[in-house]
Amino acid sequence: MMHALVFRLCYLFLICRITYQTEYSCDSKAPCGCSQFPVVANARIVNGENAGRNTLSWAVSLQIHKNGGSYRCGGTIIDELYIMTAAHCVESIRNPSDISVYAGSLDVYDGVARSASEIHLHPYYDEVRHRNDIALLKLDRALDLSSNDLAKICLPSAVATSEE
């Protein structure tokens, strides 16, 4: 009887462990969207976990300087000159050079530094409801995506729909 209980508990633990841990891997030679190394991540975010070096090569840190202070947002490399971010992060910025972009590092103030030269909010961005909350930043200089520390994310191909 005791052996059956122990077996069931071990089985339950194993199923939970398999269910909540996934290895994300893809062709590291792909032109976009792949880390240089496989990523093991939990399906749930509970207390977070540290990212490994070169596992999020498309993620950038945005340091936004405004009115003598600064705040941070995240962004994603979509090509050598453009970063995608949330419109609410940059909607009130009048001078694009007030945005510093740090790429290729897990430290928010480290890595390859660039400044924004242009800000493009989605034309239908709704700042009250945060609909279409997306913006593009053009960088002042291109990023070198041949580096192991930098990569662009894959974007879905455009597909026209009857609702457009």
N, C-alpha and C. Protein backbone atom coordinates (compact mmCIF):
# COMPACT_ATOMS: atom_id res chain seq x y z
N MET A 1 0.82 -1.19 0.00
CA MET A 1 0.00 0.00 0.00
C MET A 1 0.87 1.26 0.00
N MET A 2 1.88 1.27 0.85
CA MET A 2 2.77 2.42 0.94
C MET A 2 3.54 2.61 -0.36
N HIS A 3 3.96 1.50 -0.98
CA HIS A 3 4.69 1.58 -2.25
C HIS A 3 3.82 2.21 -3.34
N ALA A 4 2.55 1.88 -3.35
CA ALA A 4 1.64 2.45 -4.35
C ALA A 4 1.50 3.96 -4.16
N LEU A 5 1.44 4.42 -2.92
CA LEU A 5 1.34 5.85 -2.63
C LEU A 5 2.62 6.57 -3.06
N VAL A 6 3.76 6.02 -2.73
CA VAL A 6 5.04 6.62 -3.13
C VAL A 6 5.14 6.65 -4.66
N PHE A 7 4.76 5.57 -5.31
CA PHE A 7 4.80 5.52 -6.76
C PHE A 7 3.91 6.61 -7.36
N ARG A 8 2.70 6.76 -6.82
CA ARG A 8 1.78 7.78 -7.34
C ARG A 8 2.33 9.19 -7.14
N LEU A 9 2.90 9.45 -5.99
CA LEU A 9 3.48 10.77 -5.73
C LEU A 9 4.66 11.05 -6.66
N CYS A 10 5.51 10.07 -6.86
CA CYS A 10 6.64 10.24 -7.79
C CYS A 10 6.14 10.48 -9.21
N TYR A 11 5.13 9.72 -9.60
CA TYR A 11 4.56 9.86 -10.94
C TYR A 11 3.96 11.26 -11.11
N LEU A 12 3.23 11.73 -10.11
CA LEU A 12 2.62 13.06 -10.15
C LEU A 12 3.70 14.14 -10.25
N PHE A 13 4.76 14.00 -9.45
CA PHE A 13 5.86 14.96 -9.49
C PHE A 13 6.50 14.98 -10.88
N LEU A 14 6.73 13.82 -11.44
CA LEU A 14 7.36 13.72 -12.76
C LEU A 14 6.48 14.36 -13.83
N ILE A 15 5.19 14.11 -13.80
CA ILE A 15 4.26 14.70 -14.77
C ILE A 15 4.27 16.22 -14.63
N CYS A 16 4.22 16.72 -13.41
CA CYS A 16 4.25 18.18 -13.20
C CYS A 16 5.54 18.77 -13.72
N ARG A 17 6.64 18.10 -13.48
CA ARG A 17 7.95 18.60 -13.93
C ARG A 17 8.01 18.64 -15.46
N ILE A 18 7.53 17.61 -16.11
CA ILE A 18 7.54 17.55 -17.58
C ILE A 18 6.59 18.61 -18.14
N THR A 19 5.44 18.76 -17.51
CA THR A 19 4.43 19.70 -17.99
C THR A 19 4.92 21.14 -17.94
N TYR A 20 5.64 21.51 -16.92
CA TYR A 20 6.01 22.91 -16.71
C TYR A 20 7.42 23.26 -17.13
N GLN A 21 8.12 22.36 -17.74
CA GLN A 21 9.45 22.68 -18.24
C GLN A 21 9.53 22.28 -19.69
N THR A 22 9.91 23.23 -20.51
CA THR A 22 9.97 23.01 -21.95
C THR A 22 11.32 23.48 -22.46
N GLU A 23 11.90 22.72 -23.35
CA GLU A 23 13.13 23.18 -23.99
C GLU A 23 12.76 23.76 -25.35
N TYR A 24 13.12 25.02 -25.53
CA TYR A 24 12.88 25.69 -26.80
C TYR A 24 14.17 25.67 -27.58
N SER A 25 14.18 25.00 -28.68
CA SER A 25 15.39 24.99 -29.49
C SER A 25 14.99 25.08 -30.95
N CYS A 26 15.88 25.61 -31.73
CA CYS A 26 15.65 25.70 -33.16
C CYS A 26 17.01 25.77 -33.84
N ASP A 27 17.01 25.88 -35.12
CA ASP A 27 18.24 25.92 -35.90
C ASP A 27 19.00 27.20 -35.58
N SER A 28 20.12 27.09 -34.88
CA SER A 28 20.87 28.28 -34.49
C SER A 28 21.47 29.01 -35.68
N LYS A 29 21.44 28.41 -36.86
CA LYS A 29 21.93 29.08 -38.06
C LYS A 29 20.79 29.81 -38.79
N ALA A 30 19.59 29.76 -38.25
CA ALA A 30 18.44 30.45 -38.86
C ALA A 30 18.71 31.95 -38.87
N PRO A 31 18.20 32.67 -39.86
CA PRO A 31 18.49 34.10 -39.96
C PRO A 31 17.83 34.96 -38.88
N CYS A 32 16.88 34.40 -38.14
CA CYS A 32 16.23 35.20 -37.10
C CYS A 32 15.54 34.30 -36.10
N GLY A 33 15.27 34.87 -34.93
CA GLY A 33 14.42 34.22 -33.95
C GLY A 33 14.99 33.04 -33.19
N CYS A 34 16.26 32.73 -33.34
CA CYS A 34 16.84 31.61 -32.62
C CYS A 34 18.00 32.08 -31.77
N SER A 35 18.07 31.51 -30.57
CA SER A 35 19.21 31.76 -29.72
C SER A 35 20.39 30.95 -30.23
N GLN A 36 21.56 31.33 -29.82
CA GLN A 36 22.74 30.56 -30.18
C GLN A 36 22.75 29.22 -29.43
N PHE A 37 22.00 29.15 -28.32
CA PHE A 37 21.98 27.96 -27.49
C PHE A 37 20.53 27.60 -27.18
N PRO A 38 20.21 26.31 -26.93
CA PRO A 38 18.84 25.94 -26.57
C PRO A 38 18.42 26.64 -25.27
N VAL A 39 17.16 26.95 -25.15
CA VAL A 39 16.62 27.63 -23.98
C VAL A 39 15.68 26.67 -23.27
N VAL A 40 15.89 26.48 -21.98
CA VAL A 40 14.96 25.70 -21.18
C VAL A 40 14.20 26.70 -20.32
N ALA A 41 12.88 26.69 -20.42
CA ALA A 41 12.07 27.65 -19.69
C ALA A 41 10.86 26.97 -19.10
N ASN A 42 10.42 27.49 -17.99
CA ASN A 42 9.18 27.01 -17.40
C ASN A 42 8.01 27.62 -18.14
N ALA A 43 6.94 26.89 -18.27
CA ALA A 43 5.76 27.38 -18.97
C ALA A 43 5.08 28.50 -18.17
N ARG A 44 5.25 28.50 -16.88
CA ARG A 44 4.71 29.56 -16.03
C ARG A 44 5.86 30.45 -15.57
N ILE A 45 5.55 31.71 -15.37
CA ILE A 45 6.54 32.61 -14.77
C ILE A 45 6.15 32.79 -13.32
N VAL A 46 6.92 32.16 -12.44
CA VAL A 46 6.72 32.28 -11.00
C VAL A 46 8.07 32.64 -10.42
N ASN A 47 8.20 33.84 -9.93
CA ASN A 47 9.46 34.38 -9.42
C ASN A 47 10.51 34.51 -10.51
N GLY A 48 10.16 34.25 -11.75
CA GLY A 48 11.08 34.42 -12.87
C GLY A 48 12.25 33.46 -12.81
N GLU A 49 13.10 33.57 -13.77
CA GLU A 49 14.34 32.80 -13.80
C GLU A 49 15.35 33.58 -14.61
N ASN A 50 16.60 33.37 -14.34
CA ASN A 50 17.65 34.10 -15.03
C ASN A 50 17.79 33.62 -16.47
N ALA A 51 17.97 34.57 -17.36
CA ALA A 51 18.21 34.23 -18.77
C ALA A 51 19.69 33.89 -18.93
N GLY A 52 19.97 32.92 -19.76
CA GLY A 52 21.35 32.56 -20.04
C GLY A 52 21.93 33.45 -21.13
N ARG A 53 23.23 33.57 -21.14
CA ARG A 53 23.93 34.38 -22.14
C ARG A 53 23.55 33.88 -23.55
N ASN A 54 23.31 34.80 -24.45
CA ASN A 54 22.97 34.54 -25.86
C ASN A 54 21.64 33.81 -26.05
N THR A 55 20.76 33.84 -25.06
CA THR A 55 19.47 33.17 -25.24
C THR A 55 18.37 34.12 -25.67
N LEU A 56 18.56 35.41 -25.50
CA LEU A 56 17.58 36.41 -25.90
C LEU A 56 18.27 37.50 -26.70
N SER A 57 18.94 37.10 -27.75
CA SER A 57 19.81 38.01 -28.51
C SER A 57 19.05 39.13 -29.21
N TRP A 58 17.74 39.03 -29.30
CA TRP A 58 16.93 40.06 -29.97
C TRP A 58 16.34 41.05 -28.98
N ALA A 59 16.48 40.80 -27.70
CA ALA A 59 15.92 41.70 -26.68
C ALA A 59 16.86 42.86 -26.40
N VAL A 60 16.29 44.05 -26.27
CA VAL A 60 17.09 45.24 -25.96
C VAL A 60 16.49 45.95 -24.76
N SER A 61 17.31 46.75 -24.12
CA SER A 61 16.88 47.61 -23.03
C SER A 61 16.80 49.03 -23.56
N LEU A 62 15.69 49.70 -23.30
CA LEU A 62 15.54 51.11 -23.67
C LEU A 62 15.63 51.94 -22.40
N GLN A 63 16.55 52.89 -22.39
CA GLN A 63 16.68 53.84 -21.29
C GLN A 63 16.14 55.16 -21.82
N ILE A 64 15.05 55.62 -21.24
CA ILE A 64 14.36 56.79 -21.75
C ILE A 64 14.54 57.94 -20.77
N HIS A 65 15.18 58.99 -21.24
CA HIS A 65 15.52 60.14 -20.40
C HIS A 65 14.49 61.23 -20.64
N LYS A 66 13.82 61.66 -19.56
CA LYS A 66 12.75 62.64 -19.70
C LYS A 66 12.65 63.48 -18.44
N ASN A 67 12.61 64.78 -18.60
CA ASN A 67 12.43 65.72 -17.49
C ASN A 67 13.41 65.47 -16.34
N GLY A 68 14.66 65.24 -16.67
CA GLY A 68 15.69 65.05 -15.65
C GLY A 68 15.71 63.66 -15.03
N GLY A 69 14.77 62.80 -15.37
CA GLY A 69 14.75 61.44 -14.84
C GLY A 69 14.86 60.45 -15.98
N SER A 70 14.75 59.18 -15.65
CA SER A 70 14.78 58.17 -16.71
C SER A 70 13.95 56.97 -16.28
N TYR A 71 13.52 56.21 -17.26
CA TYR A 71 12.81 54.97 -17.00
C TYR A 71 13.19 53.97 -18.08
N ARG A 72 12.86 52.69 -17.84
CA ARG A 72 13.26 51.62 -18.75
C ARG A 72 12.05 50.96 -19.38
N CYS A 73 12.25 50.53 -20.60
CA CYS A 73 11.29 49.68 -21.30
C CYS A 73 12.10 48.64 -22.06
N GLY A 74 11.43 47.66 -22.57
CA GLY A 74 12.08 46.65 -23.39
C GLY A 74 11.75 46.86 -24.85
N GLY A 75 12.52 46.22 -25.68
CA GLY A 75 12.29 46.28 -27.12
C GLY A 75 12.82 45.03 -27.78
N THR A 76 12.57 44.93 -29.07
CA THR A 76 12.97 43.76 -29.85
C THR A 76 13.62 44.21 -31.15
N ILE A 77 14.76 43.61 -31.48
CA ILE A 77 15.44 43.93 -32.74
C ILE A 77 14.65 43.29 -33.88
N ILE A 78 14.23 44.12 -34.85
CA ILE A 78 13.56 43.54 -36.02
C ILE A 78 14.43 43.62 -37.26
N ASP A 79 15.41 44.48 -37.27
CA ASP A 79 16.49 44.45 -38.26
C ASP A 79 17.61 45.35 -37.78
N GLU A 80 18.60 45.58 -38.60
CA GLU A 80 19.80 46.31 -38.19
C GLU A 80 19.50 47.73 -37.71
N LEU A 81 18.44 48.34 -38.22
CA LEU A 81 18.15 49.74 -37.90
C LEU A 81 16.88 49.96 -37.10
N TYR A 82 16.06 48.93 -36.89
CA TYR A 82 14.76 49.16 -36.25
C TYR A 82 14.53 48.28 -35.03
N ILE A 83 13.95 48.91 -34.01
CA ILE A 83 13.57 48.27 -32.76
C ILE A 83 12.07 48.41 -32.60
N MET A 84 11.40 47.33 -32.21
CA MET A 84 9.97 47.38 -31.93
C MET A 84 9.79 47.47 -30.42
N THR A 85 8.88 48.34 -29.98
CA THR A 85 8.61 48.50 -28.56
C THR A 85 7.14 48.85 -28.37
N ALA A 86 6.76 49.10 -27.13
CA ALA A 86 5.38 49.51 -26.83
C ALA A 86 5.25 51.01 -27.02
N ALA A 87 4.17 51.43 -27.65
CA ALA A 87 3.95 52.86 -27.90
C ALA A 87 3.85 53.65 -26.59
N HIS A 88 3.27 53.05 -25.55
CA HIS A 88 3.13 53.79 -24.30
C HIS A 88 4.48 54.14 -23.67
N CYS A 89 5.52 53.44 -24.06
CA CYS A 89 6.86 53.74 -23.54
C CYS A 89 7.44 55.01 -24.16
N VAL A 90 7.05 55.32 -25.37
CA VAL A 90 7.71 56.42 -26.10
C VAL A 90 6.75 57.50 -26.59
N GLU A 91 5.46 57.39 -26.26
CA GLU A 91 4.46 58.31 -26.81
C GLU A 91 4.71 59.77 -26.47
N SER A 92 5.28 60.05 -25.32
CA SER A 92 5.46 61.45 -24.91
C SER A 92 6.86 61.98 -25.20
N ILE A 93 7.69 61.19 -25.85
CA ILE A 93 9.07 61.62 -26.15
C ILE A 93 9.06 62.46 -27.41
N ARG A 94 9.57 63.68 -27.31
CA ARG A 94 9.62 64.58 -28.47
C ARG A 94 10.96 64.51 -29.18
N ASN A 95 12.02 64.22 -28.43
CA ASN A 95 13.36 64.15 -29.01
C ASN A 95 13.82 62.69 -29.02
N PRO A 96 13.86 62.06 -30.19
CA PRO A 96 14.24 60.63 -30.25
C PRO A 96 15.58 60.33 -29.59
N SER A 97 16.52 61.27 -29.61
CA SER A 97 17.84 60.99 -29.03
C SER A 97 17.78 60.89 -27.50
N ASP A 98 16.63 61.15 -26.90
CA ASP A 98 16.46 60.93 -25.46
C ASP A 98 16.31 59.44 -25.13
N ILE A 99 16.27 58.61 -26.16
CA ILE A 99 16.13 57.16 -25.97
C ILE A 99 17.46 56.49 -26.28
N SER A 100 18.04 55.85 -25.26
CA SER A 100 19.26 55.05 -25.44
C SER A 100 18.86 53.59 -25.54
N VAL A 101 19.44 52.89 -26.50
CA VAL A 101 19.14 51.48 -26.73
C VAL A 101 20.40 50.67 -26.41
N TYR A 102 20.26 49.65 -25.56
CA TYR A 102 21.38 48.77 -25.22
C TYR A 102 21.03 47.35 -25.68
N ALA A 103 21.87 46.80 -26.55
CA ALA A 103 21.61 45.49 -27.14
C ALA A 103 22.78 44.55 -26.87
N GLY A 104 22.50 43.25 -26.80
CA GLY A 104 23.56 42.25 -26.71
C GLY A 104 24.06 41.97 -25.32
N SER A 105 23.29 42.34 -24.30
CA SER A 105 23.73 42.09 -22.93
C SER A 105 22.51 41.83 -22.05
N LEU A 106 22.71 41.06 -21.00
CA LEU A 106 21.64 40.85 -20.02
C LEU A 106 21.62 41.96 -18.98
N ASP A 107 22.65 42.79 -18.94
CA ASP A 107 22.73 43.93 -18.05
C ASP A 107 22.08 45.12 -18.76
N VAL A 108 21.12 45.76 -18.13
CA VAL A 108 20.34 46.81 -18.81
C VAL A 108 21.17 48.02 -19.22
N TYR A 109 22.32 48.25 -18.62
CA TYR A 109 23.15 49.41 -18.98
C TYR A 109 24.42 49.00 -19.71
N ASP A 110 24.46 47.81 -20.24
CA ASP A 110 25.67 47.30 -20.87
C ASP A 110 25.34 46.88 -22.30
N GLY A 111 26.35 46.52 -23.04
CA GLY A 111 26.13 46.04 -24.41
C GLY A 111 26.40 47.12 -25.43
N VAL A 112 25.93 46.89 -26.63
CA VAL A 112 26.10 47.82 -27.74
C VAL A 112 25.10 48.96 -27.56
N ALA A 113 25.60 50.18 -27.51
CA ALA A 113 24.74 51.34 -27.27
C ALA A 113 24.44 52.08 -28.57
N ARG A 114 23.19 52.45 -28.72
CA ARG A 114 22.74 53.27 -29.85
C ARG A 114 21.73 54.27 -29.31
N SER A 115 21.48 55.31 -30.11
CA SER A 115 20.41 56.25 -29.81
C SER A 115 19.35 56.12 -30.88
N ALA A 116 18.13 56.47 -30.51
CA ALA A 116 17.05 56.49 -31.50
C ALA A 116 17.18 57.77 -32.32
N SER A 117 16.87 57.67 -33.61
CA SER A 117 16.87 58.87 -34.46
C SER A 117 15.45 59.21 -34.93
N GLU A 118 14.54 58.24 -34.87
CA GLU A 118 13.15 58.47 -35.25
C GLU A 118 12.25 57.60 -34.38
N ILE A 119 11.03 58.11 -34.12
CA ILE A 119 10.01 57.36 -33.39
C ILE A 119 8.77 57.30 -34.27
N HIS A 120 8.24 56.10 -34.48
CA HIS A 120 7.03 55.92 -35.30
C HIS A 120 5.99 55.15 -34.48
N LEU A 121 4.96 55.86 -34.01
CA LEU A 121 3.86 55.21 -33.29
C LEU A 121 2.88 54.62 -34.30
N HIS A 122 2.20 53.56 -33.93
CA HIS A 122 1.14 53.01 -34.77
C HIS A 122 0.14 54.12 -35.05
N PRO A 123 -0.31 54.28 -36.30
CA PRO A 123 -1.21 55.39 -36.62
C PRO A 123 -2.54 55.35 -35.87
N TYR A 124 -2.95 54.17 -35.39
CA TYR A 124 -4.21 54.06 -34.65
C TYR A 124 -3.98 53.74 -33.17
N TYR A 125 -2.83 54.12 -32.67
CA TYR A 125 -2.55 53.91 -31.25
C TYR A 125 -3.55 54.69 -30.41
N ASP A 126 -4.19 54.02 -29.45
CA ASP A 126 -5.15 54.64 -28.55
C ASP A 126 -4.50 54.72 -27.18
N GLU A 127 -4.08 55.93 -26.80
CA GLU A 127 -3.34 56.08 -25.54
C GLU A 127 -4.21 55.88 -24.30
N VAL A 128 -5.52 55.95 -24.43
CA VAL A 128 -6.41 55.72 -23.29
C VAL A 128 -6.60 54.22 -23.05
N ARG A 129 -6.92 53.50 -24.10
CA ARG A 129 -7.17 52.06 -23.98
C ARG A 129 -5.94 51.22 -24.30
N HIS A 130 -4.89 51.84 -24.74
CA HIS A 130 -3.64 51.16 -25.14
C HIS A 130 -3.87 50.13 -26.23
N ARG A 131 -4.74 50.44 -27.15
CA ARG A 131 -4.92 49.58 -28.32
C ARG A 131 -3.87 49.96 -29.35
N ASN A 132 -3.44 48.99 -30.14
CA ASN A 132 -2.37 49.19 -31.13
C ASN A 132 -1.14 49.78 -30.46
N ASP A 133 -0.82 49.25 -29.30
CA ASP A 133 0.27 49.75 -28.45
C ASP A 133 1.62 49.25 -28.97
N ILE A 134 2.02 49.81 -30.09
CA ILE A 134 3.26 49.38 -30.74
C ILE A 134 3.93 50.58 -31.39
N ALA A 135 5.24 50.57 -31.37
CA ALA A 135 6.01 51.66 -31.98
C ALA A 135 7.29 51.08 -32.57
N LEU A 136 7.82 51.78 -33.55
CA LEU A 136 9.12 51.45 -34.13
C LEU A 136 10.08 52.58 -33.83
N LEU A 137 11.29 52.20 -33.46
CA LEU A 137 12.37 53.17 -33.27
C LEU A 137 13.40 52.93 -34.35
N LYS A 138 13.80 53.97 -35.04
CA LYS A 138 14.91 53.87 -35.98
C LYS A 138 16.17 54.27 -35.22
N LEU A 139 17.21 53.49 -35.38
CA LEU A 139 18.47 53.76 -34.68
C LEU A 139 19.33 54.75 -35.45
N ASP A 140 20.21 55.44 -34.72
CA ASP A 140 21.12 56.39 -35.37
C ASP A 140 22.21 55.69 -36.18
N ARG A 141 22.53 54.45 -35.80
CA ARG A 141 23.52 53.63 -36.53
C ARG A 141 23.06 52.19 -36.52
N ALA A 142 23.42 51.46 -37.57
CA ALA A 142 23.00 50.06 -37.69
C ALA A 142 23.69 49.18 -36.65
N LEU A 143 23.00 48.15 -36.22
CA LEU A 143 23.58 47.12 -35.36
C LEU A 143 24.27 46.08 -36.22
N ASP A 144 25.33 45.47 -35.70
CA ASP A 144 26.03 44.40 -36.41
C ASP A 144 25.41 43.07 -36.01
N LEU A 145 24.51 42.56 -36.83
CA LEU A 145 23.81 41.32 -36.50
C LEU A 145 24.63 40.07 -36.78
N SER A 146 25.87 40.23 -37.25
CA SER A 146 26.74 39.06 -37.43
C SER A 146 27.39 38.66 -36.11
N SER A 147 27.26 39.49 -35.10
CA SER A 147 27.79 39.18 -33.77
C SER A 147 26.96 38.07 -33.13
N ASN A 148 27.58 37.21 -32.33
CA ASN A 148 26.85 36.16 -31.61
C ASN A 148 25.92 36.74 -30.56
N ASP A 149 26.17 37.98 -30.14
CA ASP A 149 25.36 38.58 -29.08
C ASP A 149 24.08 39.23 -29.59
N LEU A 150 23.95 39.43 -30.91
CA LEU A 150 22.80 40.14 -31.47
C LEU A 150 22.11 39.31 -32.55
N ALA A 151 20.80 39.37 -32.57
CA ALA A 151 20.02 38.68 -33.61
C ALA A 151 18.69 39.40 -33.75
N LYS A 152 18.08 39.29 -34.92
CA LYS A 152 16.74 39.86 -35.08
C LYS A 152 15.71 38.78 -34.80
N ILE A 153 14.54 39.22 -34.40
CA ILE A 153 13.44 38.29 -34.14
C ILE A 153 12.75 37.98 -35.46
N CYS A 154 12.14 36.82 -35.57
CA CYS A 154 11.34 36.49 -36.76
C CYS A 154 9.97 37.15 -36.63
N LEU A 155 9.52 37.73 -37.70
CA LEU A 155 8.18 38.30 -37.75
C LEU A 155 7.32 37.46 -38.67
N PRO A 156 6.03 37.36 -38.38
CA PRO A 156 5.17 36.60 -39.29
C PRO A 156 5.07 37.30 -40.63
N SER A 157 4.88 36.54 -41.68
CA SER A 157 4.73 37.16 -42.99
C SER A 157 3.38 37.86 -43.05
N ALA A 158 3.31 38.92 -43.83
CA ALA A 158 2.07 39.69 -43.96
C ALA A 158 1.05 38.87 -44.73
N VAL A 159 -0.15 38.83 -44.21
CA VAL A 159 -1.24 38.13 -44.87
C VAL A 159 -2.44 39.07 -44.90
N ALA A 160 -2.93 39.36 -46.09
CA ALA A 160 -4.09 40.24 -46.21
C ALA A 160 -5.35 39.49 -45.80
N THR A 161 -6.23 40.18 -45.10
CA THR A 161 -7.51 39.58 -44.72
C THR A 161 -8.64 40.45 -45.25
N SER A 162 -9.82 39.92 -45.27
CA SER A 162 -10.97 40.67 -45.77
C SER A 162 -11.37 41.80 -44.84
N GLU A 163 -10.87 41.78 -43.60
CA GLU A 163 -11.21 42.82 -42.63
C GLU A 163 -10.36 44.07 -42.78
N GLU A 164 -9.32 44.03 -43.58
CA GLU A 164 -8.41 45.18 -43.70
C GLU A 164 -9.02 46.28 -44.53
